[in-house]
Amino acid sequence: LYLGAGFLALALGALGVILPILPTTPFVLLAAGCFARGSERFHNKLLANRIAGPIIRDWCLYHSMPRRAKRWAYALMAISFGSSILIVPEIWQKIMLVVIAGILVFYISRIPVREMPINS
């Protein structure tokens, strides 16, 4: 069950890269949690991934995100939601997208920021 849930969460996270309404990071974190309980092999593969691995490790260690990642999240949300709002024809769809974007911005704003050390 954990292995199946992990793959489902990972697939939803991958879709979240393309679809503006679907978040990516929570699904990748959920997949990591499921794989940690269901398959050490897939958990290690996810942690070894150059993109997802550092995000998962940082979340597990600090329950925070770097300021740079937060800025990227805001910028990508603005681009994806902004373009979606311009594309959809109905006013109720535009309002729905604004509300969802507002909820996501509120959620991300509540995640603590972890200052990254400056490399010399």
PDB file of N, CA and C in Angstrom:
ATOM      1  N   LEU A   1       0.822  -1.207   0.000  1.00  0.00           N
ATOM      2  CA  LEU A   1       0.000   0.000   0.000  1.00  0.00           C
ATOM      3  C   LEU A   1       0.860   1.263   0.000  1.00  0.00           C
ATOM      4  N   TYR A   2       1.924   1.251   0.832  1.00  0.00           N
ATOM      5  CA  TYR A   2       2.792   2.427   0.877  1.00  0.00           C
ATOM      6  C   TYR A   2       3.504   2.646  -0.459  1.00  0.00           C
ATOM      7  N   LEU A   3       3.934   1.566  -1.074  1.00  0.00           N
ATOM      8  CA  LEU A   3       4.625   1.668  -2.350  1.00  0.00           C
ATOM      9  C   LEU A   3       3.692   2.234  -3.426  1.00  0.00           C
ATOM     10  N   GLY A   4       2.469   1.728  -3.493  1.00  0.00           N
ATOM     11  CA  GLY A   4       1.491   2.236  -4.451  1.00  0.00           C
ATOM     12  C   GLY A   4       1.146   3.692  -4.194  1.00  0.00           C
ATOM     13  N   ALA A   5       0.958   4.042  -2.925  1.00  0.00           N
ATOM     14  CA  ALA A   5       0.659   5.428  -2.575  1.00  0.00           C
ATOM     15  C   ALA A   5       1.833   6.338  -2.919  1.00  0.00           C
ATOM     16  N   GLY A   6       3.055   5.832  -2.741  1.00  0.00           N
ATOM     17  CA  GLY A   6       4.241   6.610  -3.079  1.00  0.00           C
ATOM     18  C   GLY A   6       4.312   6.905  -4.566  1.00  0.00           C
ATOM     19  N   PHE A   7       4.047   5.896  -5.392  1.00  0.00           N
ATOM     20  CA  PHE A   7       4.063   6.110  -6.840  1.00  0.00           C
ATOM     21  C   PHE A   7       2.936   7.042  -7.279  1.00  0.00           C
ATOM     22  N   LEU A   8       1.760   6.909  -6.670  1.00  0.00           N
ATOM     23  CA  LEU A   8       0.648   7.798  -6.992  1.00  0.00           C
ATOM     24  C   LEU A   8       1.002   9.246  -6.620  1.00  0.00           C
ATOM     25  N   ALA A   9       1.566   9.439  -5.437  1.00  0.00           N
ATOM     26  CA  ALA A   9       1.949  10.785  -5.010  1.00  0.00           C
ATOM     27  C   ALA A   9       3.035  11.354  -5.915  1.00  0.00           C
ATOM     28  N   LEU A  10       3.986  10.516  -6.313  1.00  0.00           N
ATOM     29  CA  LEU A  10       5.047  10.974  -7.202  1.00  0.00           C
ATOM     30  C   LEU A  10       4.488  11.351  -8.572  1.00  0.00           C
ATOM     31  N   ALA A  11       3.533  10.585  -9.075  1.00  0.00           N
ATOM     32  CA  ALA A  11       2.897  10.904 -10.359  1.00  0.00           C
ATOM     33  C   ALA A  11       2.130  12.222 -10.264  1.00  0.00           C
ATOM     34  N   LEU A  12       1.421  12.439  -9.157  1.00  0.00           N
ATOM     35  CA  LEU A  12       0.697  13.705  -8.973  1.00  0.00           C
ATOM     36  C   LEU A  12       1.669  14.868  -8.859  1.00  0.00           C
ATOM     37  N   GLY A  13       2.798  14.636  -8.189  1.00  0.00           N
ATOM     38  CA  GLY A  13       3.825  15.669  -8.108  1.00  0.00           C
ATOM     39  C   GLY A  13       4.390  16.014  -9.470  1.00  0.00           C
ATOM     40  N   ALA A  14       4.590  15.006 -10.307  1.00  0.00           N
ATOM     41  CA  ALA A  14       5.083  15.241 -11.667  1.00  0.00           C
ATOM     42  C   ALA A  14       4.055  16.019 -12.480  1.00  0.00           C
ATOM     43  N   LEU A  15       2.790  15.701 -12.305  1.00  0.00           N
ATOM     44  CA  LEU A  15       1.730  16.466 -12.985  1.00  0.00           C
ATOM     45  C   LEU A  15       1.702  17.909 -12.497  1.00  0.00           C
ATOM     46  N   GLY A  16       2.039  18.099 -11.225  1.00  0.00           N
ATOM     47  CA  GLY A  16       2.045  19.439 -10.651  1.00  0.00           C
ATOM     48  C   GLY A  16       3.073  20.360 -11.294  1.00  0.00           C
ATOM     49  N   VAL A  17       4.089  19.787 -11.915  1.00  0.00           N
ATOM     50  CA  VAL A  17       5.071  20.599 -12.627  1.00  0.00           C
ATOM     51  C   VAL A  17       4.410  21.269 -13.831  1.00  0.00           C
ATOM     52  N   ILE A  18       3.443  20.585 -14.427  1.00  0.00           N
ATOM     53  CA  ILE A  18       2.795  21.072 -15.646  1.00  0.00           C
ATOM     54  C   ILE A  18       1.509  21.837 -15.341  1.00  0.00           C
ATOM     55  N   LEU A  19       0.717  21.322 -14.412  1.00  0.00           N
ATOM     56  CA  LEU A  19      -0.588  21.914 -14.116  1.00  0.00           C
ATOM     57  C   LEU A  19      -0.471  22.964 -13.014  1.00  0.00           C
ATOM     58  N   PRO A  20      -0.986  24.163 -13.230  1.00  0.00           N
ATOM     59  CA  PRO A  20      -0.810  25.232 -12.248  1.00  0.00           C
ATOM     60  C   PRO A  20      -1.566  25.025 -10.939  1.00  0.00           C
ATOM     61  N   ILE A  21      -2.637  24.260 -10.948  1.00  0.00           N
ATOM     62  CA  ILE A  21      -3.447  24.108  -9.740  1.00  0.00           C
ATOM     63  C   ILE A  21      -2.888  23.040  -8.812  1.00  0.00           C
ATOM     64  N   LEU A  22      -2.150  22.104  -9.346  1.00  0.00           N
ATOM     65  CA  LEU A  22      -1.646  20.970  -8.577  1.00  0.00           C
ATOM     66  C   LEU A  22      -0.258  21.285  -8.020  1.00  0.00           C
ATOM     67  N   PRO A  23      -0.089  21.254  -6.692  1.00  0.00           N
ATOM     68  CA  PRO A  23       1.231  21.545  -6.130  1.00  0.00           C
ATOM     69  C   PRO A  23       2.181  20.362  -6.308  1.00  0.00           C
ATOM     70  N   THR A  24       3.455  20.633  -6.445  1.00  0.00           N
ATOM     71  CA  THR A  24       4.449  19.582  -6.660  1.00  0.00           C
ATOM     72  C   THR A  24       5.075  19.118  -5.355  1.00  0.00           C
ATOM     73  N   THR A  25       5.611  20.049  -4.584  1.00  0.00           N
ATOM     74  CA  THR A  25       6.414  19.703  -3.409  1.00  0.00           C
ATOM     75  C   THR A  25       5.669  18.854  -2.386  1.00  0.00           C
ATOM     76  N   PRO A  26       4.419  19.174  -2.019  1.00  0.00           N
ATOM     77  CA  PRO A  26       3.750  18.322  -1.029  1.00  0.00           C
ATOM     78  C   PRO A  26       3.609  16.871  -1.489  1.00  0.00           C
ATOM     79  N   PHE A  27       3.368  16.670  -2.778  1.00  0.00           N
ATOM     80  CA  PHE A  27       3.239  15.303  -3.280  1.00  0.00           C
ATOM     81  C   PHE A  27       4.577  14.578  -3.290  1.00  0.00           C
ATOM     82  N   VAL A  28       5.663  15.285  -3.588  1.00  0.00           N
ATOM     83  CA  VAL A  28       6.992  14.664  -3.551  1.00  0.00           C
ATOM     84  C   VAL A  28       7.350  14.303  -2.107  1.00  0.00           C
ATOM     85  N   LEU A  29       7.015  15.187  -1.165  1.00  0.00           N
ATOM     86  CA  LEU A  29       7.265  14.880   0.251  1.00  0.00           C
ATOM     87  C   LEU A  29       6.420  13.696   0.710  1.00  0.00           C
ATOM     88  N   LEU A  30       5.173  13.632   0.263  1.00  0.00           N
ATOM     89  CA  LEU A  30       4.312  12.498   0.589  1.00  0.00           C
ATOM     90  C   LEU A  30       4.886  11.211   0.002  1.00  0.00           C
ATOM     91  N   ALA A  31       5.360  11.272  -1.234  1.00  0.00           N
ATOM     92  CA  ALA A  31       5.974  10.096  -1.863  1.00  0.00           C
ATOM     93  C   ALA A  31       7.187   9.639  -1.056  1.00  0.00           C
ATOM     94  N   ALA A  32       7.990  10.582  -0.598  1.00  0.00           N
ATOM     95  CA  ALA A  32       9.168  10.224   0.198  1.00  0.00           C
ATOM     96  C   ALA A  32       8.754   9.528   1.495  1.00  0.00           C
ATOM     97  N   GLY A  33       7.710  10.040   2.130  1.00  0.00           N
ATOM     98  CA  GLY A  33       7.223   9.406   3.359  1.00  0.00           C
ATOM     99  C   GLY A  33       6.689   8.006   3.109  1.00  0.00           C
ATOM    100  N   CYS A  34       5.962   7.844   2.020  1.00  0.00           N
ATOM    101  CA  CYS A  34       5.421   6.516   1.678  1.00  0.00           C
ATOM    102  C   CYS A  34       6.551   5.548   1.325  1.00  0.00           C
ATOM    103  N   PHE A  35       7.521   6.021   0.541  1.00  0.00           N
ATOM    104  CA  PHE A  35       8.636   5.156   0.171  1.00  0.00           C
ATOM    105  C   PHE A  35       9.491   4.801   1.391  1.00  0.00           C
ATOM    106  N   ALA A  36       9.598   5.710   2.353  1.00  0.00           N
ATOM    107  CA  ALA A  36      10.373   5.420   3.562  1.00  0.00           C
ATOM    108  C   ALA A  36       9.766   4.247   4.328  1.00  0.00           C
ATOM    109  N   ARG A  37       8.452   4.098   4.239  1.00  0.00           N
ATOM    110  CA  ARG A  37       7.775   3.004   4.938  1.00  0.00           C
ATOM    111  C   ARG A  37       7.577   1.764   4.062  1.00  0.00           C
ATOM    112  N   GLY A  38       7.584   1.962   2.733  1.00  0.00           N
ATOM    113  CA  GLY A  38       7.248   0.867   1.844  1.00  0.00           C
ATOM    114  C   GLY A  38       8.388   0.292   1.035  1.00  0.00           C
ATOM    115  N   SER A  39       9.424   1.084   0.750  1.00  0.00           N
ATOM    116  CA  SER A  39      10.513   0.599  -0.088  1.00  0.00           C
ATOM    117  C   SER A  39      11.767   1.434   0.146  1.00  0.00           C
ATOM    118  N   GLU A  40      12.731   0.841   0.817  1.00  0.00           N
ATOM    119  CA  GLU A  40      13.985   1.550   1.073  1.00  0.00           C
ATOM    120  C   GLU A  40      14.678   1.901  -0.244  1.00  0.00           C
ATOM    121  N   ARG A  41      14.567   1.001  -1.225  1.00  0.00           N
ATOM    122  CA  ARG A  41      15.199   1.216  -2.527  1.00  0.00           C
ATOM    123  C   ARG A  41      14.666   2.480  -3.207  1.00  0.00           C
ATOM    124  N   PHE A  42      13.346   2.623  -3.294  1.00  0.00           N
ATOM    125  CA  PHE A  42      12.770   3.798  -3.944  1.00  0.00           C
ATOM    126  C   PHE A  42      12.956   5.062  -3.111  1.00  0.00           C
ATOM    127  N   HIS A  43      12.952   4.917  -1.797  1.00  0.00           N
ATOM    128  CA  HIS A  43      13.202   6.066  -0.924  1.00  0.00           C
ATOM    129  C   HIS A  43      14.614   6.600  -1.176  1.00  0.00           C
ATOM    130  N   ASN A  44      15.594   5.705  -1.255  1.00  0.00           N
ATOM    131  CA  ASN A  44      16.973   6.120  -1.519  1.00  0.00           C
ATOM    132  C   ASN A  44      17.119   6.727  -2.911  1.00  0.00           C
ATOM    133  N   LYS A  45      16.392   6.178  -3.893  1.00  0.00           N
ATOM    134  CA  LYS A  45      16.432   6.754  -5.249  1.00  0.00           C
ATOM    135  C   LYS A  45      15.873   8.177  -5.249  1.00  0.00           C
ATOM    136  N   LEU A  46      14.792   8.387  -4.512  1.00  0.00           N
ATOM    137  CA  LEU A  46      14.199   9.721  -4.449  1.00  0.00           C
ATOM    138  C   LEU A  46      15.146  10.693  -3.746  1.00  0.00           C
ATOM    139  N   LEU A  47      15.785  10.233  -2.680  1.00  0.00           N
ATOM    140  CA  LEU A  47      16.734  11.089  -1.970  1.00  0.00           C
ATOM    141  C   LEU A  47      17.977  11.376  -2.812  1.00  0.00           C
ATOM    142  N   ALA A  48      18.331  10.478  -3.712  1.00  0.00           N
ATOM    143  CA  ALA A  48      19.505  10.664  -4.561  1.00  0.00           C
ATOM    144  C   ALA A  48      19.207  11.560  -5.766  1.00  0.00           C
ATOM    145  N   ASN A  49      17.943  11.836  -6.031  1.00  0.00           N
ATOM    146  CA  ASN A  49      17.576  12.684  -7.159  1.00  0.00           C
ATOM    147  C   ASN A  49      18.134  14.085  -6.943  1.00  0.00           C
ATOM    148  N   ARG A  50      18.737  14.655  -7.981  1.00  0.00           N
ATOM    149  CA  ARG A  50      19.409  15.949  -7.828  1.00  0.00           C
ATOM    150  C   ARG A  50      18.438  17.106  -7.579  1.00  0.00           C
ATOM    151  N   ILE A  51      17.189  16.950  -7.980  1.00  0.00           N
ATOM    152  CA  ILE A  51      16.214  18.020  -7.772  1.00  0.00           C
ATOM    153  C   ILE A  51      15.403  17.785  -6.501  1.00  0.00           C
ATOM    154  N   ALA A  52      14.813  16.610  -6.371  1.00  0.00           N
ATOM    155  CA  ALA A  52      13.925  16.332  -5.240  1.00  0.00           C
ATOM    156  C   ALA A  52      14.692  16.015  -3.959  1.00  0.00           C
ATOM    157  N   GLY A  53      15.869  15.394  -4.071  1.00  0.00           N
ATOM    158  CA  GLY A  53      16.618  14.957  -2.896  1.00  0.00           C
ATOM    159  C   GLY A  53      16.907  16.057  -1.890  1.00  0.00           C
ATOM    160  N   PRO A  54      17.513  17.182  -2.313  1.00  0.00           N
ATOM    161  CA  PRO A  54      17.800  18.250  -1.347  1.00  0.00           C
ATOM    162  C   PRO A  54      16.547  18.834  -0.698  1.00  0.00           C
ATOM    163  N   ILE A  55      15.464  18.934  -1.455  1.00  0.00           N
ATOM    164  CA  ILE A  55      14.210  19.470  -0.904  1.00  0.00           C
ATOM    165  C   ILE A  55      13.699  18.552   0.197  1.00  0.00           C
ATOM    166  N   ILE A  56      13.728  17.254  -0.057  1.00  0.00           N
ATOM    167  CA  ILE A  56      13.233  16.283   0.927  1.00  0.00           C
ATOM    168  C   ILE A  56      14.112  16.287   2.175  1.00  0.00           C
ATOM    169  N   ARG A  57      15.430  16.264   1.974  1.00  0.00           N
ATOM    170  CA  ARG A  57      16.346  16.268   3.128  1.00  0.00           C
ATOM    171  C   ARG A  57      16.177  17.529   3.967  1.00  0.00           C
ATOM    172  N   ASP A  58      16.090  18.697   3.295  1.00  0.00           N
ATOM    173  CA  ASP A  58      15.900  19.947   4.035  1.00  0.00           C
ATOM    174  C   ASP A  58      14.603  19.931   4.832  1.00  0.00           C
ATOM    175  N   TRP A  59      13.541  19.423   4.211  1.00  0.00           N
ATOM    176  CA  TRP A  59      12.262  19.396   4.915  1.00  0.00           C
ATOM    177  C   TRP A  59      12.326  18.465   6.121  1.00  0.00           C
ATOM    178  N   CYS A  60      12.947  17.307   5.942  1.00  0.00           N
ATOM    179  CA  CYS A  60      13.056  16.347   7.056  1.00  0.00           C
ATOM    180  C   CYS A  60      13.911  16.893   8.191  1.00  0.00           C
ATOM    181  N   LEU A  61      14.985  17.593   7.854  1.00  0.00           N
ATOM    182  CA  LEU A  61      15.894  18.101   8.880  1.00  0.00           C
ATOM    183  C   LEU A  61      15.398  19.377   9.540  1.00  0.00           C
ATOM    184  N   TYR A  62      14.875  20.304   8.761  1.00  0.00           N
ATOM    185  CA  TYR A  62      14.599  21.651   9.281  1.00  0.00           C
ATOM    186  C   TYR A  62      13.132  22.067   9.246  1.00  0.00           C
ATOM    187  N   HIS A  63      12.283  21.355   8.562  1.00  0.00           N
ATOM    188  CA  HIS A  63      10.870  21.740   8.379  1.00  0.00           C
ATOM    189  C   HIS A  63      10.764  23.198   7.938  1.00  0.00           C
ATOM    190  N   SER A  64      11.617  23.552   6.978  1.00  0.00           N
ATOM    191  CA  SER A  64      11.635  24.905   6.440  1.00  0.00           C
ATOM    192  C   SER A  64      12.112  24.829   4.996  1.00  0.00           C
ATOM    193  N   MET A  65      12.142  25.985   4.357  1.00  0.00           N
ATOM    194  CA  MET A  65      12.638  26.017   2.984  1.00  0.00           C
ATOM    195  C   MET A  65      13.546  27.219   2.807  1.00  0.00           C
ATOM    196  N   PRO A  66      14.534  27.093   1.932  1.00  0.00           N
ATOM    197  CA  PRO A  66      15.427  28.236   1.692  1.00  0.00           C
ATOM    198  C   PRO A  66      14.675  29.406   1.071  1.00  0.00           C
ATOM    199  N   ARG A  67      15.145  30.605   1.358  1.00  0.00           N
ATOM    200  CA  ARG A  67      14.504  31.810   0.824  1.00  0.00           C
ATOM    201  C   ARG A  67      14.454  31.776  -0.699  1.00  0.00           C
ATOM    202  N   ARG A  68      15.521  31.279  -1.323  1.00  0.00           N
ATOM    203  CA  ARG A  68      15.560  31.206  -2.789  1.00  0.00           C
ATOM    204  C   ARG A  68      14.443  30.299  -3.327  1.00  0.00           C
ATOM    205  N   ALA A  69      14.217  29.173  -2.664  1.00  0.00           N
ATOM    206  CA  ALA A  69      13.157  28.253  -3.101  1.00  0.00           C
ATOM    207  C   ALA A  69      11.788  28.902  -2.937  1.00  0.00           C
ATOM    208  N   LYS A  70      11.632  29.668  -1.884  1.00  0.00           N
ATOM    209  CA  LYS A  70      10.359  30.353  -1.662  1.00  0.00           C
ATOM    210  C   LYS A  70      10.119  31.395  -2.758  1.00  0.00           C
ATOM    211  N   ARG A  71      11.163  32.123  -3.115  1.00  0.00           N
ATOM    212  CA  ARG A  71      11.022  33.107  -4.191  1.00  0.00           C
ATOM    213  C   ARG A  71      10.668  32.430  -5.511  1.00  0.00           C
ATOM    214  N   TRP A  72      11.318  31.302  -5.794  1.00  0.00           N
ATOM    215  CA  TRP A  72      11.009  30.552  -7.011  1.00  0.00           C
ATOM    216  C   TRP A  72       9.553  30.087  -7.000  1.00  0.00           C
ATOM    217  N   ALA A  73       9.093  29.623  -5.849  1.00  0.00           N
ATOM    218  CA  ALA A  73       7.706  29.157  -5.743  1.00  0.00           C
ATOM    219  C   ALA A  73       6.738  30.298  -6.044  1.00  0.00           C
ATOM    220  N   TYR A  74       6.986  31.460  -5.459  1.00  0.00           N
ATOM    221  CA  TYR A  74       6.120  32.612  -5.716  1.00  0.00           C
ATOM    222  C   TYR A  74       6.150  33.014  -7.193  1.00  0.00           C
ATOM    223  N   ALA A  75       7.344  33.045  -7.786  1.00  0.00           N
ATOM    224  CA  ALA A  75       7.476  33.459  -9.184  1.00  0.00           C
ATOM    225  C   ALA A  75       6.768  32.476 -10.121  1.00  0.00           C
ATOM    226  N   LEU A  76       6.977  31.188  -9.905  1.00  0.00           N
ATOM    227  CA  LEU A  76       6.337  30.192 -10.769  1.00  0.00           C
ATOM    228  C   LEU A  76       4.822  30.193 -10.595  1.00  0.00           C
ATOM    229  N   MET A  77       4.365  30.408  -9.360  1.00  0.00           N
ATOM    230  CA  MET A  77       2.914  30.497  -9.143  1.00  0.00           C
ATOM    231  C   MET A  77       2.340  31.718  -9.862  1.00  0.00           C
ATOM    232  N   ALA A  78       3.044  32.848  -9.792  1.00  0.00           N
ATOM    233  CA  ALA A  78       2.556  34.055 -10.459  1.00  0.00           C
ATOM    234  C   ALA A  78       2.467  33.843 -11.967  1.00  0.00           C
ATOM    235  N   ILE A  79       3.485  33.204 -12.529  1.00  0.00           N
ATOM    236  CA  ILE A  79       3.473  32.953 -13.983  1.00  0.00           C
ATOM    237  C   ILE A  79       2.360  31.979 -14.360  1.00  0.00           C
ATOM    238  N   SER A  80       2.274  30.856 -13.636  1.00  0.00           N
ATOM    239  CA  SER A  80       1.295  29.840 -14.029  1.00  0.00           C
ATOM    240  C   SER A  80      -0.138  30.289 -13.753  1.00  0.00           C
ATOM    241  N   PHE A  81      -0.385  30.863 -12.582  1.00  0.00           N
ATOM    242  CA  PHE A  81      -1.744  31.314 -12.292  1.00  0.00           C
ATOM    243  C   PHE A  81      -2.109  32.539 -13.130  1.00  0.00           C
ATOM    244  N   GLY A  82      -1.147  33.435 -13.329  1.00  0.00           N
ATOM    245  CA  GLY A  82      -1.413  34.621 -14.148  1.00  0.00           C
ATOM    246  C   GLY A  82      -1.793  34.257 -15.565  1.00  0.00           C
ATOM    247  N   SER A  83      -1.031  33.345 -16.160  1.00  0.00           N
ATOM    248  CA  SER A  83      -1.350  32.943 -17.535  1.00  0.00           C
ATOM    249  C   SER A  83      -2.669  32.175 -17.581  1.00  0.00           C
ATOM    250  N   SER A  84      -2.928  31.347 -16.574  1.00  0.00           N
ATOM    251  CA  SER A  84      -4.197  30.610 -16.545  1.00  0.00           C
ATOM    252  C   SER A  84      -5.389  31.553 -16.414  1.00  0.00           C
ATOM    253  N   ILE A  85      -5.236  32.576 -15.598  1.00  0.00           N
ATOM    254  CA  ILE A  85      -6.320  33.538 -15.417  1.00  0.00           C
ATOM    255  C   ILE A  85      -6.600  34.282 -16.715  1.00  0.00           C
ATOM    256  N   LEU A  86      -5.554  34.570 -17.473  1.00  0.00           N
ATOM    257  CA  LEU A  86      -5.746  35.239 -18.760  1.00  0.00           C
ATOM    258  C   LEU A  86      -6.396  34.329 -19.798  1.00  0.00           C
ATOM    259  N   ILE A  87      -6.174  33.037 -19.689  1.00  0.00           N
ATOM    260  CA  ILE A  87      -6.656  32.090 -20.697  1.00  0.00           C
ATOM    261  C   ILE A  87      -8.108  31.680 -20.482  1.00  0.00           C
ATOM    262  N   VAL A  88      -8.488  31.424 -19.228  1.00  0.00           N
ATOM    263  CA  VAL A  88      -9.840  30.904 -18.989  1.00  0.00           C
ATOM    264  C   VAL A  88     -10.892  31.960 -19.317  1.00  0.00           C
ATOM    265  N   PRO A  89     -12.012  31.525 -19.915  1.00  0.00           N
ATOM    266  CA  PRO A  89     -13.003  32.496 -20.397  1.00  0.00           C
ATOM    267  C   PRO A  89     -14.006  32.966 -19.334  1.00  0.00           C
ATOM    268  N   GLU A  90     -14.359  32.120 -18.417  1.00  0.00           N
ATOM    269  CA  GLU A  90     -15.443  32.437 -17.485  1.00  0.00           C
ATOM    270  C   GLU A  90     -14.926  33.169 -16.246  1.00  0.00           C
ATOM    271  N   ILE A  91     -15.711  34.096 -15.759  1.00  0.00           N
ATOM    272  CA  ILE A  91     -15.324  34.880 -14.575  1.00  0.00           C
ATOM    273  C   ILE A  91     -15.218  33.993 -13.340  1.00  0.00           C
ATOM    274  N   TRP A  92     -16.109  32.992 -13.213  1.00  0.00           N
ATOM    275  CA  TRP A  92     -16.052  32.123 -12.040  1.00  0.00           C
ATOM    276  C   TRP A  92     -14.760  31.313 -12.031  1.00  0.00           C
ATOM    277  N   GLN A  93     -14.240  30.985 -13.212  1.00  0.00           N
ATOM    278  CA  GLN A  93     -12.965  30.267 -13.289  1.00  0.00           C
ATOM    279  C   GLN A  93     -11.814  31.171 -12.864  1.00  0.00           C
ATOM    280  N   LYS A  94     -11.878  32.416 -13.277  1.00  0.00           N
ATOM    281  CA  LYS A  94     -10.851  33.376 -12.880  1.00  0.00           C
ATOM    282  C   LYS A  94     -10.858  33.574 -11.361  1.00  0.00           C
ATOM    283  N   ILE A  95     -12.044  33.691 -10.796  1.00  0.00           N
ATOM    284  CA  ILE A  95     -12.175  33.869  -9.349  1.00  0.00           C
ATOM    285  C   ILE A  95     -11.651  32.635  -8.612  1.00  0.00           C
ATOM    286  N   MET A  96     -11.996  31.453  -9.119  1.00  0.00           N
ATOM    287  CA  MET A  96     -11.523  30.211  -8.503  1.00  0.00           C
ATOM    288  C   MET A  96      -9.997  30.158  -8.509  1.00  0.00           C
ATOM    289  N   LEU A  97      -9.373  30.520  -9.631  1.00  0.00           N
ATOM    290  CA  LEU A  97      -7.921  30.502  -9.719  1.00  0.00           C
ATOM    291  C   LEU A  97      -7.284  31.505  -8.760  1.00  0.00           C
ATOM    292  N   VAL A  98      -7.886  32.684  -8.634  1.00  0.00           N
ATOM    293  CA  VAL A  98      -7.374  33.686  -7.697  1.00  0.00           C
ATOM    294  C   VAL A  98      -7.461  33.166  -6.267  1.00  0.00           C
ATOM    295  N   VAL A  99      -8.573  32.519  -5.922  1.00  0.00           N
ATOM    296  CA  VAL A  99      -8.743  31.978  -4.569  1.00  0.00           C
ATOM    297  C   VAL A  99      -7.715  30.874  -4.296  1.00  0.00           C
ATOM    298  N   ILE A 100      -7.539  29.958  -5.240  1.00  0.00           N
ATOM    299  CA  ILE A 100      -6.566  28.875  -5.064  1.00  0.00           C
ATOM    300  C   ILE A 100      -5.159  29.442  -4.940  1.00  0.00           C
ATOM    301  N   ALA A 101      -4.820  30.416  -5.782  1.00  0.00           N
ATOM    302  CA  ALA A 101      -3.504  31.046  -5.699  1.00  0.00           C
ATOM    303  C   ALA A 101      -3.312  31.718  -4.341  1.00  0.00           C
ATOM    304  N   GLY A 102      -4.350  32.382  -3.865  1.00  0.00           N
ATOM    305  CA  GLY A 102      -4.277  33.024  -2.549  1.00  0.00           C
ATOM    306  C   GLY A 102      -4.037  32.023  -1.434  1.00  0.00           C
ATOM    307  N   ILE A 103      -4.710  30.876  -1.497  1.00  0.00           N
ATOM    308  CA  ILE A 103      -4.513  29.830  -0.490  1.00  0.00           C
ATOM    309  C   ILE A 103      -3.082  29.301  -0.543  1.00  0.00           C
ATOM    310  N   LEU A 104      -2.571  29.078  -1.743  1.00  0.00           N
ATOM    311  CA  LEU A 104      -1.197  28.587  -1.878  1.00  0.00           C
ATOM    312  C   LEU A 104      -0.178  29.606  -1.380  1.00  0.00           C
ATOM    313  N   VAL A 105      -0.387  30.875  -1.700  1.00  0.00           N
ATOM    314  CA  VAL A 105       0.521  31.921  -1.220  1.00  0.00           C
ATOM    315  C   VAL A 105       0.487  31.973   0.307  1.00  0.00           C
ATOM    316  N   PHE A 106      -0.698  31.880   0.889  1.00  0.00           N
ATOM    317  CA  PHE A 106      -0.819  31.876   2.351  1.00  0.00           C
ATOM    318  C   PHE A 106      -0.080  30.684   2.951  1.00  0.00           C
ATOM    319  N   TYR A 107      -0.260  29.503   2.365  1.00  0.00           N
ATOM    320  CA  TYR A 107       0.399  28.294   2.870  1.00  0.00           C
ATOM    321  C   TYR A 107       1.924  28.427   2.785  1.00  0.00           C
ATOM    322  N   ILE A 108       2.422  28.862   1.647  1.00  0.00           N
ATOM    323  CA  ILE A 108       3.870  28.989   1.480  1.00  0.00           C
ATOM    324  C   ILE A 108       4.435  30.084   2.388  1.00  0.00           C
ATOM    325  N   SER A 109       3.683  31.151   2.586  1.00  0.00           N
ATOM    326  CA  SER A 109       4.171  32.237   3.447  1.00  0.00           C
ATOM    327  C   SER A 109       4.321  31.789   4.898  1.00  0.00           C
ATOM    328  N   ARG A 110       3.599  30.762   5.302  1.00  0.00           N
ATOM    329  CA  ARG A 110       3.668  30.273   6.681  1.00  0.00           C
ATOM    330  C   ARG A 110       4.820  29.291   6.905  1.00  0.00           C
ATOM    331  N   ILE A 111       5.439  28.811   5.836  1.00  0.00           N
ATOM    332  CA  ILE A 111       6.576  27.902   5.977  1.00  0.00           C
ATOM    333  C   ILE A 111       7.791  28.721   6.396  1.00  0.00           C
ATOM    334  N   PRO A 112       8.466  28.322   7.471  1.00  0.00           N
ATOM    335  CA  PRO A 112       9.637  29.086   7.918  1.00  0.00           C
ATOM    336  C   PRO A 112      10.735  29.116   6.856  1.00  0.00           C
ATOM    337  N   VAL A 113      11.497  30.218   6.857  1.00  0.00           N
ATOM    338  CA  VAL A 113      12.610  30.371   5.925  1.00  0.00           C
ATOM    339  C   VAL A 113      13.893  29.958   6.656  1.00  0.00           C
ATOM    340  N   ARG A 114      14.700  29.168   5.956  1.00  0.00           N
ATOM    341  CA  ARG A 114      16.002  28.777   6.496  1.00  0.00           C
ATOM    342  C   ARG A 114      17.053  29.474   5.657  1.00  0.00           C
ATOM    343  N   GLU A 115      17.852  30.285   6.326  1.00  0.00           N
ATOM    344  CA  GLU A 115      18.917  30.996   5.628  1.00  0.00           C
ATOM    345  C   GLU A 115      20.011  30.017   5.253  1.00  0.00           C
ATOM    346  N   MET A 116      20.427  30.058   4.002  1.00  0.00           N
ATOM    347  CA  MET A 116      21.481  29.190   3.508  1.00  0.00           C
ATOM    348  C   MET A 116      22.831  29.832   3.836  1.00  0.00           C
ATOM    349  N   PRO A 117      23.824  29.006   4.198  1.00  0.00           N
ATOM    350  CA  PRO A 117      25.160  29.580   4.446  1.00  0.00           C
ATOM    351  C   PRO A 117      25.752  30.116   3.145  1.00  0.00           C
ATOM    352  N   ILE A 118      26.501  31.187   3.253  1.00  0.00           N
ATOM    353  CA  ILE A 118      27.134  31.801   2.087  1.00  0.00           C
ATOM    354  C   ILE A 118      28.438  31.045   1.798  1.00  0.00           C
ATOM    355  N   ASN A 119      28.562  30.568   0.560  1.00  0.00           N
ATOM    356  CA  ASN A 119      29.770  29.855   0.160  1.00  0.00           C
ATOM    357  C   ASN A 119      30.887  30.837  -0.128  1.00  0.00           C
ATOM    358  N   SER A 120      32.039  30.574   0.397  1.00  0.00           N
ATOM    359  CA  SER A 120      33.183  31.472   0.190  1.00  0.00           C
ATOM    360  C   SER A 120      33.921  31.101  -1.073  1.00  0.00           C
TER     361      SER A 120
END
